[in-house]
């Protein structure tokens, strides 16, 4: 999936559905790429990309959003993996 990033009103629901409230505080809303909502971790500067409609996770690779599993997405955004 390749989409242009649009900045809209922040949509925190997808993030709040996967993380406890105290963990959401370290993320910034960055925009949307179609249905995918982009959140940036304040410390690692890595993105957590969540499809607002399905709750699926994506990683931006080689100019496209590629679906990945939840565990891998969370490990990546927290800096556990490269």
C-alpha atoms as a PDB file:
ATOM      1  CA  UNK A   1       0.000   0.000   0.000  1.00  0.00           C
ATOM      2  CA  UNK A   2       1.468   3.369  -0.999  1.00  0.00           C
ATOM      3  CA  UNK A   3      -0.298   6.538   0.062  1.00  0.00           C
ATOM      4  CA  UNK A   4       0.271  10.234   0.396  1.00  0.00           C
ATOM      5  CA  UNK A   5       0.479  11.370   4.021  1.00  0.00           C
ATOM      6  CA  UNK A   6      -2.335  13.685   5.098  1.00  0.00           C
ATOM      7  CA  UNK A   7      -2.419  15.593   8.364  1.00  0.00           C
ATOM      8  CA  UNK A   8      -5.902  15.535   9.884  1.00  0.00           C
ATOM      9  CA  UNK A   9      -7.394  15.882  13.326  1.00  0.00           C
ATOM     10  CA  UNK A  10      -5.449  13.446  15.528  1.00  0.00           C
ATOM     11  CA  UNK A  11      -7.093  10.024  15.747  1.00  0.00           C
ATOM     12  CA  UNK A  12      -5.945   8.351  18.948  1.00  0.00           C
ATOM     13  CA  UNK A  13      -8.451   5.470  18.923  1.00  0.00           C
ATOM     14  CA  UNK A  14      -6.286   2.967  16.969  1.00  0.00           C
ATOM     15  CA  UNK A  15      -3.343   3.579  19.320  1.00  0.00           C
ATOM     16  CA  UNK A  16      -5.500   3.457  22.442  1.00  0.00           C
ATOM     17  CA  UNK A  17      -6.915   0.120  21.279  1.00  0.00           C
ATOM     18  CA  UNK A  18      -3.477  -1.542  21.364  1.00  0.00           C
ATOM     19  CA  UNK A  19      -1.609   0.224  24.189  1.00  0.00           C
ATOM     20  CA  UNK A  20      -2.396   1.137  27.779  1.00  0.00           C
ATOM     21  CA  UNK A  21      -2.996   4.887  28.323  1.00  0.00           C
ATOM     22  CA  UNK A  22       0.355   5.434  30.052  1.00  0.00           C
ATOM     23  CA  UNK A  23       2.194   4.065  26.988  1.00  0.00           C
ATOM     24  CA  UNK A  24       0.217   6.219  24.544  1.00  0.00           C
ATOM     25  CA  UNK A  25       1.702   9.361  26.092  1.00  0.00           C
ATOM     26  CA  UNK A  26       5.093   8.748  24.423  1.00  0.00           C
ATOM     27  CA  UNK A  27       3.611   8.878  20.913  1.00  0.00           C
ATOM     28  CA  UNK A  28       2.940  11.825  18.632  1.00  0.00           C
ATOM     29  CA  UNK A  29       0.269  11.798  15.954  1.00  0.00           C
ATOM     30  CA  UNK A  30       1.983  12.385  12.588  1.00  0.00           C
ATOM     31  CA  UNK A  31      -0.836  12.028  10.059  1.00  0.00           C
ATOM     32  CA  UNK A  32      -2.604   9.461   7.918  1.00  0.00           C
ATOM     33  CA  UNK A  33      -1.614   7.503   4.839  1.00  0.00           C
ATOM     34  CA  UNK A  34      -5.061   6.540   3.622  1.00  0.00           C
ATOM     35  CA  UNK A  35      -6.611   4.487   6.438  1.00  0.00           C
ATOM     36  CA  UNK A  36      -3.245   3.973   8.136  1.00  0.00           C
ATOM     37  CA  UNK A  37      -2.696   6.277  11.109  1.00  0.00           C
ATOM     38  CA  UNK A  38       0.941   7.193  11.774  1.00  0.00           C
ATOM     39  CA  UNK A  39       2.283   7.600  15.314  1.00  0.00           C
ATOM     40  CA  UNK A  40       5.904   8.453  16.142  1.00  0.00           C
ATOM     41  CA  UNK A  41       7.561   7.315  19.371  1.00  0.00           C
ATOM     42  CA  UNK A  42       9.149  10.314  21.120  1.00  0.00           C
ATOM     43  CA  UNK A  43      12.287   8.440  22.232  1.00  0.00           C
ATOM     44  CA  UNK A  44      13.041   5.952  19.457  1.00  0.00           C
ATOM     45  CA  UNK A  45      11.699   8.239  16.676  1.00  0.00           C
ATOM     46  CA  UNK A  46      10.210   5.123  15.055  1.00  0.00           C
ATOM     47  CA  UNK A  47       6.713   4.866  13.686  1.00  0.00           C
ATOM     48  CA  UNK A  48       3.821   2.684  14.759  1.00  0.00           C
ATOM     49  CA  UNK A  49       1.416   2.556  11.805  1.00  0.00           C
ATOM     50  CA  UNK A  50      -2.068   1.217  12.473  1.00  0.00           C
ATOM     51  CA  UNK A  51      -4.971   0.751  10.061  1.00  0.00           C
ATOM     52  CA  UNK A  52      -7.832   2.675  11.675  1.00  0.00           C
ATOM     53  CA  UNK A  53     -10.499   0.346  10.264  1.00  0.00           C
ATOM     54  CA  UNK A  54      -8.923  -3.065  10.878  1.00  0.00           C
ATOM     55  CA  UNK A  55      -6.318  -2.534  13.608  1.00  0.00           C
ATOM     56  CA  UNK A  56      -3.645  -4.133  11.416  1.00  0.00           C
ATOM     57  CA  UNK A  57      -0.054  -2.919  11.670  1.00  0.00           C
ATOM     58  CA  UNK A  58       2.209  -1.686   8.899  1.00  0.00           C
ATOM     59  CA  UNK A  59       5.861  -0.820   8.438  1.00  0.00           C
ATOM     60  CA  UNK A  60       7.033   1.589   5.768  1.00  0.00           C
ATOM     61  CA  UNK A  61       9.560  -0.281   3.607  1.00  0.00           C
ATOM     62  CA  UNK A  62      10.937   0.746   0.209  1.00  0.00           C
ATOM     63  CA  UNK A  63       8.234   3.348  -0.389  1.00  0.00           C
ATOM     64  CA  UNK A  64       5.287   1.132   0.603  1.00  0.00           C
ATOM     65  CA  UNK A  65       3.353   0.205   3.722  1.00  0.00           C
ATOM     66  CA  UNK A  66       3.795  -3.523   4.305  1.00  0.00           C
ATOM     67  CA  UNK A  67       1.630  -5.390   6.798  1.00  0.00           C
ATOM     68  CA  UNK A  68       3.447  -6.859   9.807  1.00  0.00           C
ATOM     69  CA  UNK A  69       2.185  -8.591  12.930  1.00  0.00           C
ATOM     70  CA  UNK A  70       1.444  -6.731  16.135  1.00  0.00           C
ATOM     71  CA  UNK A  71       4.344  -8.151  18.142  1.00  0.00           C
ATOM     72  CA  UNK A  72       6.880  -7.228  15.466  1.00  0.00           C
ATOM     73  CA  UNK A  73       5.414  -3.719  15.141  1.00  0.00           C
ATOM     74  CA  UNK A  74       5.651  -3.119  18.900  1.00  0.00           C
ATOM     75  CA  UNK A  75       9.184  -4.533  19.122  1.00  0.00           C
ATOM     76  CA  UNK A  76      10.262  -2.289  16.235  1.00  0.00           C
ATOM     77  CA  UNK A  77       8.730   0.921  17.586  1.00  0.00           C
ATOM     78  CA  UNK A  78      10.268   0.355  21.033  1.00  0.00           C
ATOM     79  CA  UNK A  79      13.724  -0.228  19.519  1.00  0.00           C
ATOM     80  CA  UNK A  80      14.009  -3.922  20.359  1.00  0.00           C
ATOM     81  CA  UNK A  81      14.738  -4.806  16.721  1.00  0.00           C
ATOM     82  CA  UNK A  82      16.248  -2.964  13.749  1.00  0.00           C
END
